[in-house]
């Protein structure tokens, strides 16, 4: 019996003809997660650089040829697909190329019109079946292993099949990436939404929405409300009584409550209050009543607030065209309240004058207007504390060197390494290190107990790969900004802080930050060493309360002195009440604030930063 796979409920465009956003989102997901070995092995480097797994649109003459051979029009979703791209790469582990018009094959059958979309090199057969046609003209897709006589799996349309393959791709990707992978996708979706691609953003958000990730639910709600799509499932819980919550989310939810209320009835005030427990009940009641009677006015500060006021004045007197043009063209002035969540002016939908103008078509117009300037204007630097919060992704411990007045390209000289920067990211650099230093090389004992040396490798240990980049502008007296080098896997050997030697070369301030958070999970410790002109000028050490006493040596800046800021009080009776990482997190936050430094999490975790081989960074940051 044929196995049936139902179509997944993706938040993709409602129109079958709208493939572009879906395929663009899929391409971006693949480009960000592709294994370099697979990319190189299948000649996909250009596809990754272009972030596009497709091709140019199919030649209409080629499409006409296949329609003639099929005896009529191709299925709507397949024909629409060909109008966007003539084929698709990486359609799963068993199909490297699908649906190229030059590679479509007529299959012998009772009517001889089935279309096979894979060539003989594929491990599965994907066939469009003209004998299984739905009322909307879609042909079923049947899939089974190549050469097998087993009953094929059935999909109701080509679109349904592609969505199913995409779902499997995401499941495989996130099975290895875990929650971090989902959250990284949410961040990419937020940027897609702000760049004017709501469809691609919704496609990328789908797995995180199903996993009920709060940021995903929040962004998904904003996009679906403005696109006029069904809300579909759980919504994010409002966070506090922030400006976004009160001015954007609350009015929108009140409008939903009004629409769910039958004519002549009163909206469910208590239900809305329960949704917003942190907001003053009087404010909730006031907004709900204003939305219900049409007197609510969306209020925004800044230039976009002036745009809204002008548009409302046009609309109030019936000049709808002028009102809409003012609002649409003024989107470049829009700025989010919360750079982490808000992607659109959600509160507009509840405005008694402007809200009725926001049809789904106009909502799409607003969302497809690029708001990337808003990202740059409101983006919050990541700082350094994320290194502590996500330290478990690093092995053993990590090292961070921050050099003032130095460009990243100068770091090899400053850090005293013979090798220059590599264009390969850290993960690829590690593979090259492993290939260069084969594990079969004999180990030789040295004078110092426990020290091993591999012939041909420096005595201070195997090289470590450091990611390098810029860490923000210089807020001090000197010119130039900050550069950073981050070693995620610092090993277990012995070393001294690289700050003194580096500062001697650069002549400027160098900070080194060392962590042992993964070496001993129960005793996370962080040390910051500051050096200038080849000598240590101050040093700070913090660790878990009750285990490591904070230390400060030299002329420590007051804002970084743990003896002032970390109270030495009695240890809590309940060990579970102690946050062992709190002192390390405080020190990272204080360091970022004092010197204006920040290391981008996305650049390190998701990006392709240049790398630097640093042979001496294989040991403990705490050797005196």
Protein backbone atom coordinates (compact mmCIF):
# COMPACT_ATOMS: atom_id res chain seq x y z
CA UNK A 1 0.00 0.00 0.00
CA UNK A 2 1.24 3.51 -0.79
CA UNK A 3 2.62 5.47 2.16
CA UNK A 4 1.12 8.97 2.35
CA UNK A 5 3.01 11.95 3.71
CA UNK A 6 0.79 14.88 4.54
CA UNK A 7 1.94 18.38 3.76
CA UNK A 8 3.66 20.13 6.65
CA UNK A 9 2.06 23.33 7.88
CA UNK A 10 4.91 25.69 7.10
CA UNK A 11 4.40 29.42 7.52
CA UNK A 12 5.28 29.74 3.84
CA UNK A 13 3.49 32.06 1.43
CA UNK A 14 -0.13 31.24 0.85
CA UNK A 15 0.27 31.50 -2.91
CA UNK A 16 1.66 28.35 -4.50
CA UNK A 17 3.46 30.51 -7.03
CA UNK A 18 5.55 32.24 -4.39
CA UNK A 19 8.61 30.02 -4.10
CA UNK A 20 11.33 32.63 -3.87
CA UNK A 21 11.20 33.36 -0.14
CA UNK A 22 11.03 29.67 0.76
CA UNK A 23 13.97 28.72 -1.45
CA UNK A 24 16.03 31.71 -0.40
CA UNK A 25 15.55 30.81 3.26
CA UNK A 26 16.49 27.18 2.58
CA UNK A 27 19.63 28.30 0.73
CA UNK A 28 20.66 30.55 3.62
CA UNK A 29 20.17 27.72 6.12
CA UNK A 30 22.29 25.40 4.00
CA UNK A 31 25.04 27.97 3.41
CA UNK A 32 25.35 28.65 7.14
CA UNK A 33 25.55 24.99 8.13
CA UNK A 34 27.22 23.27 5.15
CA UNK A 35 30.17 20.97 5.81
CA UNK A 36 33.17 22.43 3.91
CA UNK A 37 34.19 18.93 2.82
CA UNK A 38 30.78 18.38 1.22
CA UNK A 39 30.88 21.82 -0.39
CA UNK A 40 34.29 21.17 -1.96
CA UNK A 41 33.54 17.54 -2.83
CA UNK A 42 30.43 18.41 -4.83
CA UNK A 43 31.62 21.65 -6.41
CA UNK A 44 29.25 23.82 -4.38
CA UNK A 45 31.64 26.59 -3.31
CA UNK A 46 30.03 29.14 -5.64
CA UNK A 47 26.55 28.13 -4.45
CA UNK A 48 27.59 28.74 -0.86
CA UNK A 49 29.17 32.09 -1.68
CA UNK A 50 26.03 33.16 -3.58
CA UNK A 51 23.81 31.62 -0.85
CA UNK A 52 21.62 30.10 -3.55
CA UNK A 53 21.10 26.39 -4.22
CA UNK A 54 19.12 27.03 -7.36
CA UNK A 55 19.89 28.23 -10.87
CA UNK A 56 18.53 30.81 -13.29
CA UNK A 57 14.81 30.46 -14.14
CA UNK A 58 14.01 27.73 -16.64
CA UNK A 59 13.84 28.62 -20.34
CA UNK A 60 10.12 28.92 -21.24
CA UNK A 61 10.85 26.95 -24.44
CA UNK A 62 12.19 24.03 -22.38
CA UNK A 63 9.11 24.15 -20.16
CA UNK A 64 6.88 24.14 -23.25
CA UNK A 65 8.69 21.06 -24.58
CA UNK A 66 7.96 19.13 -21.41
CA UNK A 67 4.37 20.26 -21.33
CA UNK A 68 4.02 18.96 -24.85
CA UNK A 69 5.54 15.61 -23.85
CA UNK A 70 3.33 15.46 -20.75
CA UNK A 71 0.25 16.04 -22.87
CA UNK A 72 -0.81 19.21 -21.07
CA UNK A 73 0.19 21.83 -18.52
CA UNK A 74 2.68 20.90 -15.85
CA UNK A 75 1.41 20.84 -12.25
CA UNK A 76 0.99 24.41 -10.93
CA UNK A 77 3.52 24.24 -8.07
CA UNK A 78 6.15 22.55 -10.27
CA UNK A 79 5.68 25.04 -13.09
CA UNK A 80 5.92 27.93 -10.62
CA UNK A 81 9.12 26.39 -9.23
CA UNK A 82 10.67 26.33 -12.72
CA UNK A 83 9.80 30.01 -13.14
CA UNK A 84 12.07 30.70 -10.14
CA UNK A 85 14.88 28.20 -10.76
CA UNK A 86 15.70 25.54 -13.33
CA UNK A 87 16.48 22.82 -10.78
CA UNK A 88 17.69 22.49 -7.20
CA UNK A 89 20.85 21.17 -5.58
CA UNK A 90 21.30 19.30 -2.31
CA UNK A 91 17.72 17.97 -2.08
CA UNK A 92 18.79 15.54 0.63
CA UNK A 93 21.66 13.09 1.13
CA UNK A 94 20.53 10.89 -1.77
CA UNK A 95 19.66 13.54 -4.38
CA UNK A 96 22.32 16.06 -5.34
CA UNK A 97 20.44 17.53 -8.31
CA UNK A 98 16.68 17.66 -8.88
CA UNK A 99 14.26 18.90 -11.53
CA UNK A 100 16.61 20.33 -14.14
CA UNK A 101 14.64 20.65 -17.37
CA UNK A 102 17.53 19.09 -19.24
CA UNK A 103 17.42 16.13 -16.83
CA UNK A 104 13.68 15.40 -16.70
CA UNK A 105 12.87 11.98 -18.08
CA UNK A 106 9.62 10.64 -19.47
CA UNK A 107 8.68 7.41 -17.69
CA UNK A 108 6.88 4.56 -19.42
CA UNK A 109 3.48 3.99 -17.86
CA UNK A 110 -0.10 3.34 -18.79
CA UNK A 111 -0.13 6.75 -20.48
CA UNK A 112 3.63 7.25 -20.83
CA UNK A 113 3.50 10.73 -19.28
CA UNK A 114 5.09 10.37 -15.82
CA UNK A 115 8.02 12.70 -15.28
CA UNK A 116 11.10 11.48 -13.40
CA UNK A 117 12.90 14.42 -11.80
CA UNK A 118 16.12 12.60 -10.86
CA UNK A 119 18.84 11.15 -13.08
CA UNK A 120 20.44 7.71 -12.90
CA UNK A 121 23.09 8.86 -10.39
CA UNK A 122 20.52 9.52 -7.69
CA UNK A 123 19.88 6.91 -5.04
CA UNK A 124 16.14 7.60 -5.08
CA UNK A 125 13.58 8.10 -7.82
CA UNK A 126 11.34 11.17 -7.64
CA UNK A 127 8.44 10.97 -10.08
CA UNK A 128 5.50 13.25 -10.89
CA UNK A 129 2.45 11.05 -11.44
CA UNK A 130 -0.11 12.38 -13.99
CA UNK A 131 -2.60 9.69 -13.00
CA UNK A 132 -2.91 11.03 -9.47
CA UNK A 133 -4.24 14.56 -9.95
CA UNK A 134 -5.99 16.75 -7.36
CA UNK A 135 -8.83 19.17 -8.05
CA UNK A 136 -6.37 22.06 -8.13
CA UNK A 137 -4.36 20.40 -10.91
CA UNK A 138 -1.49 19.23 -8.71
CA UNK A 139 0.13 15.90 -9.56
CA UNK A 140 1.19 13.60 -6.75
CA UNK A 141 4.91 12.98 -6.25
CA UNK A 142 6.07 9.42 -5.62
CA UNK A 143 9.46 8.64 -4.12
CA UNK A 144 11.26 5.34 -3.59
CA UNK A 145 14.85 3.98 -3.59
CA UNK A 146 16.32 3.63 -7.07
CA UNK A 147 15.73 0.17 -8.54
CA UNK A 148 13.37 -0.82 -5.73
CA UNK A 149 9.96 -2.40 -6.31
CA UNK A 150 8.68 -1.25 -2.93
CA UNK A 151 5.56 0.86 -2.73
CA UNK A 152 6.63 4.51 -3.10
CA UNK A 153 5.99 7.24 -0.56
CA UNK A 154 3.35 9.66 -1.81
CA UNK A 155 3.21 13.45 -1.52
CA UNK A 156 0.14 15.36 -2.75
CA UNK A 157 2.18 17.89 -4.79
CA UNK A 158 5.69 18.90 -5.75
CA UNK A 159 5.52 21.74 -3.23
CA UNK A 160 4.52 19.30 -0.47
CA UNK A 161 7.46 17.06 -1.37
CA UNK A 162 9.95 19.93 -1.30
CA UNK A 163 8.62 21.16 2.04
CA UNK A 164 8.97 17.66 3.46
CA UNK A 165 12.58 17.44 2.27
CA UNK A 166 13.24 20.86 3.79
CA UNK A 167 11.78 19.68 7.10
CA UNK A 168 14.11 16.69 7.10
CA UNK A 169 17.05 18.97 6.31
CA UNK A 170 16.19 21.18 9.29
CA UNK A 171 15.68 18.19 11.58
CA UNK A 172 19.09 16.81 10.65
CA UNK A 173 20.76 20.19 11.06
CA UNK A 174 19.18 20.90 14.41
CA UNK A 175 19.73 17.39 15.74
CA UNK A 176 23.43 18.25 15.73
CA UNK A 177 23.15 21.94 16.48
CA UNK A 178 20.59 21.53 19.31
CA UNK A 179 19.04 24.59 20.92
CA UNK A 180 21.98 26.77 19.94
CA UNK A 181 21.19 25.95 16.32
CA UNK A 182 17.54 26.93 16.74
CA UNK A 183 18.46 30.21 18.42
CA UNK A 184 21.00 30.96 15.72
CA UNK A 185 18.28 30.42 13.12
CA UNK A 186 16.00 32.82 15.01
CA UNK A 187 18.69 35.49 14.85
CA UNK A 188 19.15 34.92 11.12
CA UNK A 189 15.36 35.06 10.68
CA UNK A 190 15.23 38.37 12.53
CA UNK A 191 17.81 39.80 10.15
CA UNK A 192 15.96 38.41 7.13
CA UNK A 193 12.76 40.06 8.37
CA UNK A 194 14.48 43.41 8.84
CA UNK A 195 16.09 43.16 5.41
CA UNK A 196 12.62 42.94 3.82
CA UNK A 197 12.18 39.17 3.40
CA UNK A 198 9.26 38.12 5.64
CA UNK A 199 8.68 34.86 3.76
CA UNK A 200 12.27 33.72 4.13
CA UNK A 201 12.13 34.69 7.81
CA UNK A 202 8.96 32.68 8.43
CA UNK A 203 10.44 29.64 6.71
CA UNK A 204 13.56 29.86 8.86
CA UNK A 205 11.55 30.39 12.06
CA UNK A 206 9.35 27.30 11.59
CA UNK A 207 11.41 24.76 13.61
CA UNK A 208 12.03 27.21 16.46
CA UNK A 209 8.33 28.10 16.56
CA UNK A 210 7.45 24.42 16.85
CA UNK A 211 10.03 24.16 19.65
CA UNK A 212 8.32 27.16 21.35
CA UNK A 213 11.46 29.29 21.50
CA UNK A 214 10.25 32.64 22.94
CA UNK A 215 12.02 34.97 20.49
CA UNK A 216 10.82 32.87 17.57
CA UNK A 217 7.22 33.07 18.79
CA UNK A 218 7.51 36.85 19.21
CA UNK A 219 8.91 37.50 15.73
CA UNK A 220 6.48 35.00 14.17
CA UNK A 221 3.53 36.81 15.75
CA UNK A 222 4.63 40.21 14.40
CA UNK A 223 5.04 38.92 10.86
CA UNK A 224 1.82 36.89 10.74
CA UNK A 225 -0.29 39.73 12.18
CA UNK A 226 0.93 42.23 9.58
CA UNK A 227 0.61 39.67 6.77
CA UNK A 228 -2.95 38.87 7.84
CA UNK A 229 -2.10 35.18 8.36
CA UNK A 230 -3.73 32.96 11.00
CA UNK A 231 -1.84 33.18 14.33
CA UNK A 232 -1.41 29.39 14.45
CA UNK A 233 -0.69 28.08 17.93
CA UNK A 234 1.12 29.37 20.97
CA UNK A 235 2.17 33.00 21.40
CA UNK A 236 5.15 34.36 23.28
CA UNK A 237 4.55 35.52 26.84
CA UNK A 238 4.96 39.31 27.15
CA UNK A 239 8.19 40.35 28.88
CA UNK A 240 7.67 42.90 31.66
CA UNK A 241 6.14 46.30 30.98
CA UNK A 242 8.65 47.47 28.38
CA UNK A 243 7.79 50.11 25.80
CA UNK A 244 7.46 47.38 23.16
CA UNK A 245 5.08 45.38 25.37
CA UNK A 246 2.84 48.35 26.20
CA UNK A 247 2.90 50.29 22.92
CA UNK A 248 3.15 47.49 20.36
CA UNK A 249 2.17 44.07 21.67
CA UNK A 250 -0.66 45.05 24.04
CA UNK A 251 -2.65 47.03 21.43
CA UNK A 252 -2.27 44.22 18.90
CA UNK A 253 -3.49 41.60 21.38
CA UNK A 254 -6.39 43.91 22.34
CA UNK A 255 -7.37 44.11 18.67
CA UNK A 256 -7.37 40.31 18.52
CA UNK A 257 -9.58 40.20 21.61
CA UNK A 258 -11.94 42.67 19.95
CA UNK A 259 -12.17 40.56 16.79
CA UNK A 260 -12.96 37.46 18.83
CA UNK A 261 -15.82 39.30 20.55
CA UNK A 262 -19.29 38.96 19.10
CA UNK A 263 -21.15 42.10 18.00
CA UNK A 264 -22.48 44.05 20.96
CA UNK A 265 -20.38 42.16 23.52
CA UNK A 266 -17.54 43.47 25.66
CA UNK A 267 -13.97 42.20 24.96
CA UNK A 268 -12.49 39.87 27.56
CA UNK A 269 -10.69 42.33 29.83
CA UNK A 270 -9.69 39.70 32.38
CA UNK A 271 -8.22 37.49 29.67
CA UNK A 272 -6.04 40.33 28.38
CA UNK A 273 -4.99 41.22 31.93
CA UNK A 274 -3.90 37.63 32.49
CA UNK A 275 -1.76 37.86 29.34
CA UNK A 276 -0.01 41.00 30.65
CA UNK A 277 0.52 40.45 34.40
CA UNK A 278 3.41 42.93 34.63
CA UNK A 279 1.47 45.82 33.06
CA UNK A 280 -0.62 48.15 35.22
CA UNK A 281 -4.22 46.80 35.03
CA UNK A 282 -5.49 50.35 34.53
CA UNK A 283 -3.27 50.70 31.45
CA UNK A 284 -4.50 47.39 30.06
CA UNK A 285 -8.12 48.44 30.57
CA UNK A 286 -7.55 51.85 28.98
CA UNK A 287 -5.85 50.41 25.89
CA UNK A 288 -8.47 47.66 25.47
CA UNK A 289 -11.36 50.12 25.65
CA UNK A 290 -9.67 52.52 23.24
CA UNK A 291 -9.02 49.72 20.73
CA UNK A 292 -12.56 48.40 21.14
CA UNK A 293 -14.22 51.76 20.40
CA UNK A 294 -11.76 52.77 17.66
CA UNK A 295 -10.17 55.69 19.49
CA UNK A 296 -6.74 54.12 20.08
CA UNK A 297 -3.88 56.09 18.53
CA UNK A 298 -0.52 54.44 17.96
CA UNK A 299 2.16 56.54 19.66
CA UNK A 300 5.82 56.36 18.67
CA UNK A 301 8.72 58.59 19.63
CA UNK A 302 11.20 60.07 17.18
CA UNK A 303 11.04 60.65 13.40
CA UNK A 304 8.79 57.66 12.74
CA UNK A 305 6.31 59.07 15.24
CA UNK A 306 6.11 62.19 13.07
CA UNK A 307 5.54 59.98 10.02
CA UNK A 308 2.66 58.23 11.77
CA UNK A 309 1.11 61.56 12.79
CA UNK A 310 1.27 62.93 9.21
CA UNK A 311 -0.17 59.73 7.77
CA UNK A 312 -2.99 59.76 10.31
CA UNK A 313 -3.84 63.36 9.44
CA UNK A 314 -4.09 62.45 5.74
CA UNK A 315 -6.24 59.41 6.51
CA UNK A 316 -8.47 61.33 8.91
CA UNK A 317 -9.60 63.52 6.04
CA UNK A 318 -9.99 60.74 3.52
CA UNK A 319 -6.68 61.09 1.67
CA UNK A 320 -5.94 57.39 1.90
CA UNK A 321 -3.45 57.34 -0.97
CA UNK A 322 -1.37 60.09 0.57
CA UNK A 323 -1.63 58.48 4.01
CA UNK A 324 -0.40 55.14 2.75
CA UNK A 325 2.41 56.65 0.69
CA UNK A 326 3.57 58.64 3.74
CA UNK A 327 3.56 55.56 5.95
CA UNK A 328 5.22 53.28 3.40
CA UNK A 329 7.95 55.75 2.45
CA UNK A 330 8.52 56.66 6.09
CA UNK A 331 9.46 53.10 7.06
CA UNK A 332 13.14 54.04 6.63
CA UNK A 333 12.69 56.17 9.77
CA UNK A 334 11.33 53.28 11.82
CA UNK A 335 13.42 52.00 14.73
CA UNK A 336 12.58 49.06 17.02
CA UNK A 337 12.11 49.48 20.75
CA UNK A 338 13.89 46.23 21.40
CA UNK A 339 16.78 45.37 19.09
CA UNK A 340 16.45 41.70 20.01
CA UNK A 341 12.76 41.11 19.23
CA UNK A 342 10.86 43.82 17.39
CA UNK A 343 10.99 43.57 13.60
CA UNK A 344 7.99 45.74 12.61
CA UNK A 345 5.64 48.49 13.90
CA UNK A 346 3.11 45.98 15.24
CA UNK A 347 1.04 48.54 17.18
CA UNK A 348 -0.06 50.21 13.94
CA UNK A 349 -2.64 47.48 13.34
CA UNK A 350 -4.64 48.70 16.37
CA UNK A 351 -4.65 52.41 15.42
CA UNK A 352 -8.27 53.46 14.95
CA UNK A 353 -7.43 55.53 11.85
CA UNK A 354 -4.41 53.83 10.29
CA UNK A 355 -5.15 50.24 11.30
CA UNK A 356 -7.96 49.75 8.76
CA UNK A 357 -5.53 50.75 5.99
CA UNK A 358 -3.22 47.85 6.82
CA UNK A 359 -4.68 45.19 4.60
CA UNK A 360 -2.57 42.02 4.18
CA UNK A 361 -1.27 43.41 0.89
CA UNK A 362 -0.17 46.68 2.50
CA UNK A 363 1.20 44.83 5.50
CA UNK A 364 3.37 42.87 3.10
CA UNK A 365 4.50 46.13 1.48
CA UNK A 366 5.66 47.43 4.87
CA UNK A 367 7.45 44.20 5.69
CA UNK A 368 9.21 43.99 2.33
CA UNK A 369 10.66 47.46 2.87
CA UNK A 370 14.21 46.98 4.13
CA UNK A 371 14.66 48.10 7.71
CA UNK A 372 18.29 47.03 8.01
CA UNK A 373 19.24 50.58 9.00
CA UNK A 374 17.17 49.95 12.11
CA UNK A 375 19.44 47.05 12.99
CA UNK A 376 22.54 49.19 12.73
CA UNK A 377 20.94 52.03 14.67
CA UNK A 378 19.74 49.90 17.60
CA UNK A 379 22.03 46.88 17.61
CA UNK A 380 23.46 46.18 21.04
CA UNK A 381 27.05 44.96 21.15
CA UNK A 382 27.39 41.42 22.43
CA UNK A 383 30.04 42.36 24.98
CA UNK A 384 32.06 39.53 26.54
CA UNK A 385 29.70 37.91 29.07
CA UNK A 386 28.33 35.51 26.45
CA UNK A 387 31.69 33.71 26.62
CA UNK A 388 30.83 32.72 30.18
CA UNK A 389 27.16 32.00 29.48
CA UNK A 390 28.00 29.67 26.60
CA UNK A 391 31.32 28.39 27.83
CA UNK A 392 30.15 24.77 27.70
CA UNK A 393 30.48 24.80 23.93
CA UNK A 394 34.24 25.28 24.39
CA UNK A 395 36.50 22.39 25.38
CA UNK A 396 38.57 22.63 28.59
CA UNK A 397 39.08 26.41 28.77
CA UNK A 398 39.37 29.48 26.58
CA UNK A 399 41.77 32.37 26.08
CA UNK A 400 40.94 35.85 24.83
CA UNK A 401 43.56 38.51 23.99
CA UNK A 402 42.46 42.09 23.37
CA UNK A 403 45.01 44.50 21.87
CA UNK A 404 44.40 48.25 21.75
CA UNK A 405 45.39 50.26 18.71
CA UNK A 406 46.06 47.12 16.65
CA UNK A 407 44.45 45.91 13.45
CA UNK A 408 43.57 42.18 13.25
CA UNK A 409 46.10 41.77 10.43
CA UNK A 410 48.86 42.89 12.83
CA UNK A 411 48.10 40.20 15.43
CA UNK A 412 50.60 37.63 14.09
CA UNK A 413 53.43 40.13 14.69
CA UNK A 414 52.05 41.30 18.04
CA UNK A 415 51.54 37.78 19.35
CA UNK A 416 54.93 36.60 18.16
CA UNK A 417 53.80 33.87 15.79
CA UNK A 418 55.66 33.09 12.58
CA UNK A 419 52.55 32.22 10.59
CA UNK A 420 50.29 34.91 9.19
CA UNK A 421 46.53 35.00 9.22
CA UNK A 422 44.71 32.13 7.55
CA UNK A 423 41.50 32.77 5.58
CA UNK A 424 40.17 29.48 6.93
CA UNK A 425 37.89 29.61 10.02
CA UNK A 426 38.93 27.89 13.22
CA UNK A 427 37.05 24.64 12.53
CA UNK A 428 38.84 24.17 9.20
CA UNK A 429 42.15 25.25 10.70
CA UNK A 430 41.84 22.50 13.31
CA UNK A 431 41.35 19.90 10.60
CA UNK A 432 44.50 21.14 8.90
CA UNK A 433 46.41 21.00 12.21
CA UNK A 434 45.35 17.39 12.73
CA UNK A 435 46.49 16.48 9.24
CA UNK A 436 49.82 18.25 9.74
CA UNK A 437 50.56 16.69 13.13
CA UNK A 438 49.65 13.00 12.79
CA UNK A 439 48.69 11.34 16.08
CA UNK A 440 51.01 8.40 15.27
CA UNK A 441 54.13 10.55 15.88
CA UNK A 442 56.14 9.22 18.84
CA UNK A 443 55.94 11.10 22.13
CA UNK A 444 59.17 12.06 23.92
CA UNK A 445 59.43 12.87 27.64
CA UNK A 446 61.16 16.14 28.55
CA UNK A 447 62.90 17.28 31.73
CA UNK A 448 59.75 18.76 33.24
CA UNK A 449 57.54 15.99 34.67
CA UNK A 450 54.47 15.36 32.57
CA UNK A 451 55.60 17.42 29.59
CA UNK A 452 55.42 15.64 26.23
CA UNK A 453 56.88 16.78 22.94
CA UNK A 454 55.92 15.63 19.46
CA UNK A 455 58.94 15.72 17.13
CA UNK A 456 58.65 18.69 14.78
CA UNK A 457 56.19 20.48 17.06
CA UNK A 458 57.23 23.37 19.36
CA UNK A 459 58.05 22.24 22.92
CA UNK A 460 55.32 24.47 24.32
CA UNK A 461 52.61 22.28 22.82
CA UNK A 462 50.50 21.64 19.75
CA UNK A 463 49.36 24.79 18.01
CA UNK A 464 45.96 26.21 18.83
CA UNK A 465 43.72 27.95 16.32
CA UNK A 466 42.56 31.41 17.35
CA UNK A 467 39.70 33.27 15.71
CA UNK A 468 40.65 36.91 15.11
CA UNK A 469 38.69 40.06 14.42
CA UNK A 470 37.83 43.57 15.61
CA UNK A 471 36.53 44.14 19.12
CA UNK A 472 35.22 47.70 18.90
CA UNK A 473 36.48 51.30 18.87
CA UNK A 474 39.15 52.57 21.24
CA UNK A 475 37.53 54.60 24.03
CA UNK A 476 40.88 55.56 25.54
CA UNK A 477 43.32 58.31 24.70
CA UNK A 478 45.11 56.46 21.92
CA UNK A 479 44.09 56.23 18.29
CA UNK A 480 42.76 53.08 16.70
CA UNK A 481 40.43 50.36 17.84
CA UNK A 482 40.71 46.96 19.49
CA UNK A 483 41.57 43.62 17.89
CA UNK A 484 40.90 40.24 19.46
CA UNK A 485 42.20 36.70 19.23
CA UNK A 486 40.07 33.97 20.80
CA UNK A 487 41.22 30.42 21.42
CA UNK A 488 38.17 28.28 22.18
CA UNK A 489 40.14 25.12 23.04
CA UNK A 490 43.13 26.13 25.11
CA UNK A 491 44.21 22.65 26.22
CA UNK A 492 45.64 21.49 29.53
CA UNK A 493 49.33 22.43 29.44
CA UNK A 494 51.28 25.22 31.11
CA UNK A 495 51.84 28.75 29.82
CA UNK A 496 52.28 32.35 30.90
CA UNK A 497 49.95 35.18 29.94
CA UNK A 498 50.74 36.43 26.41
CA UNK A 499 49.87 40.02 27.42
CA UNK A 500 53.35 41.24 28.51
CA UNK A 501 55.16 40.03 25.39
CA UNK A 502 52.38 41.27 23.12
CA UNK A 503 52.35 44.71 24.73
CA UNK A 504 56.11 44.96 24.34
CA UNK A 505 55.72 44.48 20.58
CA UNK A 506 52.69 46.70 20.10
CA UNK A 507 53.66 49.38 22.60
CA UNK A 508 50.01 49.62 23.62
CA UNK A 509 47.67 48.14 26.23
CA UNK A 510 47.02 44.42 25.86
CA UNK A 511 44.47 42.51 27.95
CA UNK A 512 44.41 38.74 28.26
CA UNK A 513 41.36 36.95 29.65
CA UNK A 514 41.71 33.32 30.64
CA UNK A 515 39.03 30.88 31.76
CA UNK A 516 39.12 27.46 33.40
CA UNK A 517 35.34 27.06 33.33
CA UNK A 518 35.41 23.75 31.50
CA UNK A 519 38.49 22.31 33.16
CA UNK A 520 36.63 22.23 36.47
CA UNK A 521 32.90 22.83 36.03
CA UNK A 522 32.41 23.21 39.80
CA UNK A 523 35.04 25.92 40.14
CA UNK A 524 34.87 28.36 37.23
CA UNK A 525 37.64 30.94 37.45
CA UNK A 526 38.51 33.94 35.30
CA UNK A 527 41.70 35.97 35.26
CA UNK A 528 42.33 39.26 33.43
CA UNK A 529 45.92 40.46 32.97
CA UNK A 530 46.69 43.96 31.69
CA UNK A 531 50.13 44.75 30.31
CA UNK A 532 51.80 47.80 28.80
CA UNK A 533 55.32 48.18 27.44
CA UNK A 534 56.15 44.59 28.28
CA UNK A 535 55.13 44.56 31.93
CA UNK A 536 51.99 43.60 33.85
CA UNK A 537 50.29 46.71 35.26
CA UNK A 538 47.33 45.05 36.94
CA UNK A 539 45.66 41.69 37.31
CA UNK A 540 42.26 40.53 38.54
CA UNK A 541 41.07 37.02 39.43
CA UNK A 542 37.52 35.98 40.31
CA UNK A 543 35.92 32.62 40.92
CA UNK A 544 32.88 30.93 42.43
CA UNK A 545 31.69 32.28 45.78
CA UNK A 546 32.96 30.30 48.73
CA UNK A 547 35.61 28.54 46.62
CA UNK A 548 37.83 31.21 45.05
CA UNK A 549 38.53 34.49 46.81
CA UNK A 550 38.65 37.50 44.47
CA UNK A 551 42.12 38.98 43.95
CA UNK A 552 43.34 42.32 42.62
CA UNK A 553 46.98 43.28 42.05
CA UNK A 554 48.48 46.49 40.74
CA UNK A 555 46.61 49.65 39.69
CA UNK A 556 43.27 48.03 38.90
CA UNK A 557 40.65 50.42 37.43
CA UNK A 558 38.02 51.02 40.15
CA UNK A 559 35.20 49.63 38.00
CA UNK A 560 37.10 46.33 37.67
CA UNK A 561 38.17 45.89 41.27
CA UNK A 562 36.39 42.78 42.60
CA UNK A 563 37.27 43.73 46.19
CA UNK A 564 34.94 46.72 45.79
CA UNK A 565 32.15 45.14 43.80
CA UNK A 566 31.94 41.51 44.87
CA UNK A 567 30.81 41.43 48.48
CA UNK A 568 32.49 38.71 50.52
CA UNK A 569 29.56 37.50 52.57
CA UNK A 570 28.53 34.18 54.10
CA UNK A 571 28.05 31.28 51.74
CA UNK A 572 24.43 30.30 51.13
CA UNK A 573 23.22 27.23 53.02
CA UNK A 574 21.80 25.79 49.83
CA UNK A 575 24.65 25.10 47.35
CA UNK A 576 22.14 25.14 44.49
CA UNK A 577 21.36 28.79 45.30
CA UNK A 578 24.92 29.81 44.38
CA UNK A 579 25.61 30.85 40.81
CA UNK A 580 29.27 29.80 40.39
CA UNK A 581 29.62 31.75 37.14
CA UNK A 582 28.28 35.07 38.50
CA UNK A 583 31.70 36.61 39.37
CA UNK A 584 33.14 35.66 35.96
CA UNK A 585 30.08 37.09 34.24
CA UNK A 586 30.39 40.32 36.25
CA UNK A 587 34.05 40.69 35.33
CA UNK A 588 33.32 40.24 31.60
CA UNK A 589 30.52 42.81 31.72
CA UNK A 590 32.68 45.29 33.65
CA UNK A 591 35.60 44.78 31.25
CA UNK A 592 33.35 45.43 28.22
CA UNK A 593 31.92 48.57 29.81
CA UNK A 594 35.30 49.95 30.96
CA UNK A 595 37.08 49.60 27.62
CA UNK A 596 34.16 49.54 25.16
CA UNK A 597 35.17 46.12 23.85
CA UNK A 598 32.86 43.49 22.38
CA UNK A 599 33.37 40.18 20.61
CA UNK A 600 30.47 39.30 18.31
CA UNK A 601 28.93 35.97 19.24
CA UNK A 602 27.57 35.44 15.73
CA UNK A 603 30.97 36.18 14.20
CA UNK A 604 32.61 33.52 16.39
CA UNK A 605 29.87 30.88 16.42
CA UNK A 606 28.37 31.31 12.95
CA UNK A 607 30.85 33.32 10.92
CA UNK A 608 34.02 32.54 9.01
CA UNK A 609 36.59 34.66 10.83
CA UNK A 610 40.24 34.49 9.85
CA UNK A 611 42.29 32.24 12.10
CA UNK A 612 45.77 32.43 13.55
CA UNK A 613 47.99 29.59 14.71
CA UNK A 614 49.28 30.35 18.22
CA UNK A 615 51.59 27.51 19.35
CA UNK A 616 52.07 28.72 22.92
CA UNK A 617 48.38 28.95 23.78
CA UNK A 618 47.96 25.36 24.87
CA UNK A 619 47.94 25.67 28.63
CA UNK A 620 46.72 27.24 31.83
CA UNK A 621 46.14 30.98 32.00
CA UNK A 622 47.13 30.95 35.68
CA UNK A 623 50.85 30.22 35.67
CA UNK A 624 52.66 32.99 37.61
